[in-house]
């Protein structure tokens, strides 16, 4: 059997770690070709020694030099590359078969797009890249002959529930689908009194009750912006209008999403909250491979609860839906403003409740334009970040 050569972009994050765990369970099927990290060079060094990739990529030149020296002294033949351009280089490398796109935020856009243009199997865990570039990304997938497989647990669940004719990969939906229901845990503040939300800390926001994730995505889960971004992503992945993609709060995180068909049937994908399940599905597709995830004990789970999200408590959901309906550059602006606001919250320069206020202020100042090129997308991203920083300055002035 010829082994699939995999580039793991963002290998030191939670998705990257889970991916390497699954890959290590199937050494006869997969070969780790490249690993990349932003700043956690110590962990990347350990990964390189364990998995022996041909390439490792880091953003900082000084860190790259140290990593290269450390690997050389350890007898490793891994070649260290540096810079954002190197991420795209390994993603589009002629020897790469599959790319795990797990770089958080806008930083993952160029490399994910490069993989699409090069016709790779793209296992997409970076929702922001697709949210930002929208139809541009999907067109690159089609024109490049790439295979796009969603790794977000919700979109992977939808993909599994849409099996059959006309749904051979993401980007194609079935005409007999009535609606898609994306499940949300509700995050750590689902039952927190609204009066207490302004005083919550970054540590509290990052303490997710079900999933172990990075700090940025944990805050997005707490505001439900993560689910708003996933709504936009689902519309693009499955060619659905926003009106056919809904969010339902499901605190147990056992049902990962549902698809309702026009005959009244509703299919759901269930499993323990462990990202190795969707990762293994994407790696093995169209076959299924072992993930290492414990079997779901439905008797112990006992009950499955569902409720509508509270739009007043979670205004980010409404902001994301408005951006989805506007289309064009609006989703890129939404994403950029959110990244700036979340970073400010994590640095304790912004309160939790001010995150959606900053995003709304930026969106209100934006005139939506077509997003026909990468320059269009990046220009909107730059503009939104500038406006968001200005909004932060204004908010600080008010507080002072």
Protein backbone atom coordinates (compact mmCIF):
# COMPACT_ATOMS: atom_id res chain seq x y z
CA UNK A 1 0.00 0.00 0.00
CA UNK A 2 1.29 3.45 -0.95
CA UNK A 3 1.34 5.68 2.09
CA UNK A 4 -0.47 9.04 2.01
CA UNK A 5 1.97 11.88 2.59
CA UNK A 6 0.46 14.44 4.96
CA UNK A 7 1.41 18.03 5.76
CA UNK A 8 0.07 19.14 9.15
CA UNK A 9 -0.22 22.93 9.19
CA UNK A 10 -0.47 24.01 12.82
CA UNK A 11 0.89 20.78 14.26
CA UNK A 12 1.46 22.07 17.80
CA UNK A 13 -2.16 23.16 18.36
CA UNK A 14 -4.95 20.94 19.64
CA UNK A 15 -6.04 19.81 16.15
CA UNK A 16 -2.45 19.19 15.14
CA UNK A 17 -1.79 17.07 18.22
CA UNK A 18 -4.92 15.01 17.61
CA UNK A 19 -3.98 14.58 13.95
CA UNK A 20 -0.53 13.27 14.81
CA UNK A 21 -2.11 10.86 17.31
CA UNK A 22 -4.33 9.39 14.58
CA UNK A 23 -1.50 9.30 12.04
CA UNK A 24 0.73 7.44 14.50
CA UNK A 25 -1.91 4.71 14.81
CA UNK A 26 -1.62 3.96 11.09
CA UNK A 27 2.07 4.00 10.11
CA UNK A 28 1.29 1.68 7.19
CA UNK A 29 -1.18 4.17 5.69
CA UNK A 30 0.32 7.60 6.36
CA UNK A 31 3.66 9.41 6.26
CA UNK A 32 4.19 12.76 7.99
CA UNK A 33 5.74 14.92 5.27
CA UNK A 34 5.73 18.38 6.89
CA UNK A 35 4.95 19.98 10.26
CA UNK A 36 4.49 23.68 11.00
CA UNK A 37 4.17 25.86 14.08
CA UNK A 38 3.86 29.53 14.90
CA UNK A 39 5.79 29.90 18.15
CA UNK A 40 5.88 26.59 20.05
CA UNK A 41 9.27 25.57 18.71
CA UNK A 42 10.04 23.27 21.64
CA UNK A 43 7.02 21.10 20.89
CA UNK A 44 7.73 21.22 17.15
CA UNK A 45 11.24 19.91 17.85
CA UNK A 46 9.77 16.97 19.78
CA UNK A 47 7.34 16.27 16.94
CA UNK A 48 10.08 16.35 14.33
CA UNK A 49 12.17 13.85 16.27
CA UNK A 50 9.16 11.57 16.76
CA UNK A 51 7.65 11.73 13.25
CA UNK A 52 10.72 12.59 11.11
CA UNK A 53 9.08 14.84 8.53
CA UNK A 54 11.01 16.06 5.50
CA UNK A 55 10.15 19.68 6.34
CA UNK A 56 9.37 21.81 9.38
CA UNK A 57 8.18 25.40 9.08
CA UNK A 58 8.22 28.23 11.63
CA UNK A 59 7.40 31.91 11.15
CA UNK A 60 10.28 33.51 13.05
CA UNK A 61 13.77 33.40 11.50
CA UNK A 62 15.62 33.26 14.83
CA UNK A 63 13.42 30.40 16.02
CA UNK A 64 14.00 28.61 12.72
CA UNK A 65 17.75 28.87 13.15
CA UNK A 66 17.63 27.45 16.66
CA UNK A 67 15.30 24.63 15.59
CA UNK A 68 17.54 23.75 12.67
CA UNK A 69 20.61 23.60 14.92
CA UNK A 70 18.81 21.53 17.54
CA UNK A 71 17.54 19.03 14.98
CA UNK A 72 20.95 18.76 13.33
CA UNK A 73 22.62 18.05 16.67
CA UNK A 74 20.00 15.36 17.33
CA UNK A 75 20.83 13.67 14.03
CA UNK A 76 17.57 14.68 12.33
CA UNK A 77 17.46 15.20 8.55
CA UNK A 78 14.35 17.41 8.71
CA UNK A 79 14.85 20.61 6.72
CA UNK A 80 13.64 23.77 8.47
CA UNK A 81 11.93 26.50 6.42
CA UNK A 82 10.90 29.94 7.61
CA UNK A 83 8.12 32.41 6.86
CA UNK A 84 4.52 32.51 5.68
CA UNK A 85 5.60 31.76 2.13
CA UNK A 86 7.10 28.48 3.32
CA UNK A 87 3.68 27.42 4.67
CA UNK A 88 2.21 27.76 1.18
CA UNK A 89 5.26 26.03 -0.28
CA UNK A 90 4.82 22.87 1.76
CA UNK A 91 1.01 22.95 1.36
CA UNK A 92 1.40 22.90 -2.44
CA UNK A 93 4.49 20.66 -2.55
CA UNK A 94 4.33 18.12 -5.36
CA UNK A 95 5.04 15.26 -2.95
CA UNK A 96 2.21 16.17 -0.56
CA UNK A 97 -1.02 14.19 -0.93
CA UNK A 98 -3.08 15.64 1.92
CA UNK A 99 -3.01 18.82 3.99
CA UNK A 100 -4.42 19.21 7.48
CA UNK A 101 -5.26 22.94 7.51
CA UNK A 102 -5.29 23.69 11.25
CA UNK A 103 -3.65 27.11 11.52
CA UNK A 104 -5.92 29.33 13.61
CA UNK A 105 -7.42 32.49 12.15
CA UNK A 106 -6.59 34.55 9.08
CA UNK A 107 -2.98 33.36 9.26
CA UNK A 108 -4.06 30.09 7.65
CA UNK A 109 -5.68 31.61 4.56
CA UNK A 110 -2.78 31.70 2.08
CA UNK A 111 -1.56 28.17 2.80
CA UNK A 112 -5.07 26.69 2.65
CA UNK A 113 -5.67 28.47 -0.65
CA UNK A 114 -2.34 27.21 -1.98
CA UNK A 115 -3.34 23.63 -1.15
CA UNK A 116 -6.64 24.12 -2.98
CA UNK A 117 -4.98 25.56 -6.06
CA UNK A 118 -2.51 22.66 -6.08
CA UNK A 119 -5.32 20.08 -6.08
CA UNK A 120 -4.59 18.52 -2.68
CA UNK A 121 -6.88 16.62 -0.34
CA UNK A 122 -7.64 19.43 2.10
CA UNK A 123 -8.80 18.48 5.57
CA UNK A 124 -10.15 21.84 6.64
CA UNK A 125 -10.04 22.67 10.34
CA UNK A 126 -9.36 26.39 9.76
CA UNK A 127 -12.87 27.79 9.39
CA UNK A 128 -11.61 31.37 9.22
CA UNK A 129 -9.84 30.79 5.88
CA UNK A 130 -13.09 29.70 4.27
CA UNK A 131 -15.16 32.37 6.04
CA UNK A 132 -12.83 35.10 4.79
CA UNK A 133 -12.48 34.04 1.18
CA UNK A 134 -15.83 32.31 0.64
CA UNK A 135 -16.60 31.60 -3.05
CA UNK A 136 -12.98 32.42 -3.94
CA UNK A 137 -11.81 29.44 -1.90
CA UNK A 138 -14.52 27.13 -3.21
CA UNK A 139 -13.70 28.12 -6.80
CA UNK A 140 -10.02 27.34 -6.12
CA UNK A 141 -11.05 23.88 -4.88
CA UNK A 142 -13.04 23.20 -8.04
CA UNK A 143 -10.55 24.68 -10.49
CA UNK A 144 -7.57 23.04 -8.79
CA UNK A 145 -9.27 19.64 -8.66
CA UNK A 146 -8.83 19.50 -4.88
CA UNK A 147 -10.85 17.33 -2.51
CA UNK A 148 -12.27 19.32 0.40
CA UNK A 149 -13.16 17.44 3.59
CA UNK A 150 -14.45 19.31 6.66
CA UNK A 151 -12.81 18.56 10.01
CA UNK A 152 -14.82 20.85 12.29
CA UNK A 153 -16.91 18.33 14.23
CA UNK A 154 -20.17 19.98 13.16
CA UNK A 155 -19.41 20.16 9.45
CA UNK A 156 -17.89 16.72 9.43
CA UNK A 157 -21.12 15.47 11.02
CA UNK A 158 -23.19 17.19 8.31
CA UNK A 159 -20.94 15.70 5.66
CA UNK A 160 -21.43 12.22 7.09
CA UNK A 161 -25.21 12.73 7.18
CA UNK A 162 -25.21 13.86 3.53
CA UNK A 163 -23.64 10.70 2.14
CA UNK A 164 -24.95 9.45 -1.15
CA UNK A 165 -25.33 10.77 -4.71
CA UNK A 166 -24.42 14.42 -5.16
CA UNK A 167 -22.41 14.64 -1.93
CA UNK A 168 -19.11 13.03 -2.84
CA UNK A 169 -17.20 15.83 -1.15
CA UNK A 170 -17.81 19.18 0.48
CA UNK A 171 -18.95 21.91 -1.89
CA UNK A 172 -21.82 19.85 -3.28
CA UNK A 173 -25.12 19.42 -1.48
CA UNK A 174 -28.24 17.36 -2.09
CA UNK A 175 -31.38 18.96 -3.46
CA UNK A 176 -33.49 16.96 -1.00
CA UNK A 177 -32.04 18.69 2.08
CA UNK A 178 -34.53 20.90 3.94
CA UNK A 179 -32.17 22.32 6.55
CA UNK A 180 -28.98 21.77 8.52
CA UNK A 181 -28.85 22.05 12.31
CA UNK A 182 -25.45 22.87 13.79
CA UNK A 183 -25.20 21.96 17.45
CA UNK A 184 -23.55 24.26 20.00
CA UNK A 185 -22.56 23.31 23.54
CA UNK A 186 -23.45 26.82 24.70
CA UNK A 187 -19.94 27.29 26.09
CA UNK A 188 -19.01 28.03 29.71
CA UNK A 189 -21.56 30.84 30.17
CA UNK A 190 -24.75 29.14 29.03
CA UNK A 191 -26.29 29.43 32.53
CA UNK A 192 -24.28 32.39 33.83
CA UNK A 193 -26.52 35.32 34.86
CA UNK A 194 -26.36 38.06 32.22
CA UNK A 195 -25.43 40.56 34.92
CA UNK A 196 -22.21 38.63 35.61
CA UNK A 197 -20.95 38.41 32.02
CA UNK A 198 -19.20 41.78 31.94
CA UNK A 199 -16.86 40.71 34.72
CA UNK A 200 -15.85 37.27 33.36
CA UNK A 201 -12.14 36.66 32.91
CA UNK A 202 -10.17 35.14 30.03
CA UNK A 203 -9.51 32.11 32.24
CA UNK A 204 -13.23 31.56 32.74
CA UNK A 205 -13.94 32.03 29.03
CA UNK A 206 -11.28 29.47 28.10
CA UNK A 207 -12.61 26.83 30.51
CA UNK A 208 -14.84 25.01 28.02
CA UNK A 209 -17.09 22.42 29.65
CA UNK A 210 -16.71 19.80 26.89
CA UNK A 211 -13.80 20.48 24.53
CA UNK A 212 -10.09 21.15 25.06
CA UNK A 213 -9.19 23.90 22.58
CA UNK A 214 -6.87 26.85 22.02
CA UNK A 215 -7.56 30.19 23.71
CA UNK A 216 -8.94 32.03 20.69
CA UNK A 217 -11.42 29.35 19.67
CA UNK A 218 -12.40 28.87 23.33
CA UNK A 219 -13.39 32.54 23.58
CA UNK A 220 -15.26 32.22 20.27
CA UNK A 221 -17.15 29.31 21.77
CA UNK A 222 -17.99 31.38 24.85
CA UNK A 223 -19.43 34.22 22.73
CA UNK A 224 -20.94 31.74 20.24
CA UNK A 225 -19.06 33.55 17.46
CA UNK A 226 -17.54 30.15 16.74
CA UNK A 227 -21.02 28.94 15.84
CA UNK A 228 -21.65 32.07 13.79
CA UNK A 229 -18.50 31.42 11.77
CA UNK A 230 -19.60 27.81 11.38
CA UNK A 231 -22.94 28.97 9.95
CA UNK A 232 -21.07 30.88 7.24
CA UNK A 233 -18.78 27.91 6.68
CA UNK A 234 -21.72 25.51 6.34
CA UNK A 235 -23.39 27.73 3.74
CA UNK A 236 -20.21 27.59 1.66
CA UNK A 237 -19.36 23.93 2.18
CA UNK A 238 -22.84 22.65 1.41
CA UNK A 239 -24.07 25.34 -1.01
CA UNK A 240 -26.94 26.38 1.25
CA UNK A 241 -28.50 29.81 1.89
CA UNK A 242 -28.26 31.13 5.48
CA UNK A 243 -31.98 30.50 5.99
CA UNK A 244 -31.35 26.74 5.72
CA UNK A 245 -28.60 26.63 8.36
CA UNK A 246 -29.72 26.89 11.99
CA UNK A 247 -28.01 26.64 15.37
CA UNK A 248 -29.38 24.64 18.29
CA UNK A 249 -27.82 24.48 21.76
CA UNK A 250 -27.00 20.94 22.85
CA UNK A 251 -25.02 21.04 26.14
CA UNK A 252 -23.93 17.38 26.11
CA UNK A 253 -22.00 17.74 22.80
CA UNK A 254 -22.93 14.18 21.85
CA UNK A 255 -24.95 15.01 18.71
CA UNK A 256 -22.50 16.92 16.54
CA UNK A 257 -25.03 18.13 13.95
CA UNK A 258 -28.20 17.07 12.14
CA UNK A 259 -29.56 17.16 8.60
CA UNK A 260 -33.28 17.27 7.87
CA UNK A 261 -34.58 16.04 4.52
CA UNK A 262 -37.69 17.06 2.64
CA UNK A 263 -39.45 13.80 3.51
CA UNK A 264 -39.25 14.65 7.23
CA UNK A 265 -36.31 12.35 8.00
CA UNK A 266 -33.64 13.81 10.27
CA UNK A 267 -30.18 12.23 10.39
CA UNK A 268 -27.74 12.95 13.20
CA UNK A 269 -24.11 12.01 13.80
CA UNK A 270 -23.31 11.12 17.41
CA UNK A 271 -20.06 10.45 19.21
CA UNK A 272 -17.93 11.38 22.18
CA UNK A 273 -16.59 14.96 22.06
CA UNK A 274 -13.16 14.06 20.69
CA UNK A 275 -11.70 15.69 17.58
CA UNK A 276 -9.92 12.48 16.59
CA UNK A 277 -13.24 11.19 15.23
CA UNK A 278 -13.67 13.80 12.46
CA UNK A 279 -9.91 13.81 11.87
CA UNK A 280 -9.86 10.05 11.32
CA UNK A 281 -12.92 10.31 9.08
CA UNK A 282 -11.21 12.92 6.88
CA UNK A 283 -7.91 11.01 6.79
CA UNK A 284 -9.50 7.69 5.89
CA UNK A 285 -12.32 8.92 3.63
CA UNK A 286 -14.00 7.24 1.81
CA UNK A 287 -12.96 4.39 4.12
CA UNK A 288 -13.17 4.48 7.91
CA UNK A 289 -10.13 3.98 10.11
CA UNK A 290 -9.60 3.61 13.87
CA UNK A 291 -9.29 6.91 15.70
CA UNK A 292 -8.50 5.83 19.25
CA UNK A 293 -11.73 7.41 20.49
CA UNK A 294 -13.64 5.60 23.23
CA UNK A 295 -16.99 4.12 22.18
CA UNK A 296 -20.00 6.24 23.07
CA UNK A 297 -21.94 4.74 25.96
CA UNK A 298 -25.48 5.90 25.16
CA UNK A 299 -26.80 4.42 28.42
CA UNK A 300 -24.36 6.50 30.45
CA UNK A 301 -25.11 9.58 28.33
CA UNK A 302 -28.75 8.93 29.26
CA UNK A 303 -30.29 12.13 27.92
CA UNK A 304 -29.83 14.58 25.08
CA UNK A 305 -31.11 18.13 25.60
CA UNK A 306 -31.72 20.78 22.95
CA UNK A 307 -32.74 24.43 23.19
CA UNK A 308 -32.75 27.56 21.06
CA UNK A 309 -29.78 29.92 21.53
CA UNK A 310 -30.45 33.15 23.40
CA UNK A 311 -29.91 35.88 20.79
CA UNK A 312 -29.74 38.62 23.43
CA UNK A 313 -27.08 36.77 25.46
CA UNK A 314 -25.09 35.81 22.34
CA UNK A 315 -25.31 38.74 19.88
CA UNK A 316 -22.37 37.40 17.87
CA UNK A 317 -24.72 34.86 16.30
CA UNK A 318 -26.85 37.62 14.81
CA UNK A 319 -23.80 39.54 13.61
CA UNK A 320 -22.49 36.45 11.82
CA UNK A 321 -25.84 35.73 10.18
CA UNK A 322 -26.02 39.31 8.93
CA UNK A 323 -22.52 38.95 7.46
CA UNK A 324 -23.51 35.65 5.82
CA UNK A 325 -26.54 37.28 4.22
CA UNK A 326 -24.51 40.28 3.03
CA UNK A 327 -21.80 38.08 1.52
CA UNK A 328 -18.88 39.61 -0.36
CA UNK A 329 -16.31 41.12 1.98
CA UNK A 330 -18.64 41.19 5.01
CA UNK A 331 -17.56 37.78 6.42
CA UNK A 332 -13.87 38.77 6.14
CA UNK A 333 -14.60 41.99 8.03
CA UNK A 334 -16.55 40.08 10.68
CA UNK A 335 -13.69 37.63 11.17
CA UNK A 336 -10.97 40.29 11.35
CA UNK A 337 -12.88 42.45 13.83
CA UNK A 338 -13.55 39.39 15.97
CA UNK A 339 -9.87 38.37 15.98
CA UNK A 340 -8.82 41.84 17.14
CA UNK A 341 -11.54 42.01 19.80
CA UNK A 342 -10.81 38.52 21.15
CA UNK A 343 -7.09 39.24 21.36
CA UNK A 344 -7.84 42.44 23.28
CA UNK A 345 -10.08 40.49 25.67
CA UNK A 346 -7.38 37.88 26.24
CA UNK A 347 -4.97 40.74 27.02
CA UNK A 348 -7.56 42.17 29.47
CA UNK A 349 -7.93 45.37 27.44
CA UNK A 350 -11.59 44.68 26.64
CA UNK A 351 -14.46 43.21 28.63
CA UNK A 352 -16.27 40.09 27.47
CA UNK A 353 -19.45 42.00 26.58
CA UNK A 354 -17.47 44.54 24.57
CA UNK A 355 -16.34 41.89 22.07
CA UNK A 356 -19.61 41.96 20.06
CA UNK A 357 -19.82 45.74 20.50
CA UNK A 358 -16.49 46.23 18.70
CA UNK A 359 -17.50 43.82 15.93
CA UNK A 360 -20.86 45.53 15.43
CA UNK A 361 -19.20 48.96 15.28
CA UNK A 362 -16.81 47.79 12.55
CA UNK A 363 -19.53 46.08 10.51
CA UNK A 364 -21.69 49.21 10.71
CA UNK A 365 -18.90 51.24 9.10
CA UNK A 366 -18.27 48.72 6.34
CA UNK A 367 -19.67 48.96 2.83
CA UNK A 368 -19.77 45.42 1.47
CA UNK A 369 -17.81 44.87 -1.74
CA UNK A 370 -17.37 41.80 -3.97
CA UNK A 371 -14.63 39.43 -2.81
CA UNK A 372 -13.48 38.30 -6.24
CA UNK A 373 -9.75 38.13 -5.56
CA UNK A 374 -7.33 37.47 -2.72
CA UNK A 375 -6.43 41.17 -2.79
CA UNK A 376 -10.11 42.02 -2.18
CA UNK A 377 -10.19 39.71 0.83
CA UNK A 378 -6.91 40.89 2.33
CA UNK A 379 -7.82 44.53 1.78
CA UNK A 380 -11.09 44.05 3.67
CA UNK A 381 -9.21 42.20 6.40
CA UNK A 382 -6.67 45.02 6.77
CA UNK A 383 -9.39 47.68 6.82
CA UNK A 384 -11.38 45.83 9.47
CA UNK A 385 -8.37 45.35 11.72
CA UNK A 386 -7.58 49.07 11.52
CA UNK A 387 -11.19 49.95 12.34
CA UNK A 388 -11.30 47.44 15.19
CA UNK A 389 -8.14 48.88 16.75
CA UNK A 390 -9.68 52.34 16.44
CA UNK A 391 -12.79 51.04 18.18
CA UNK A 392 -10.62 49.63 20.97
CA UNK A 393 -8.97 53.02 21.41
CA UNK A 394 -12.37 54.68 21.57
CA UNK A 395 -13.59 52.14 24.12
CA UNK A 396 -10.50 52.73 26.25
CA UNK A 397 -11.12 56.48 26.11
CA UNK A 398 -14.68 56.01 27.30
CA UNK A 399 -13.54 53.78 30.16
CA UNK A 400 -10.88 56.34 31.15
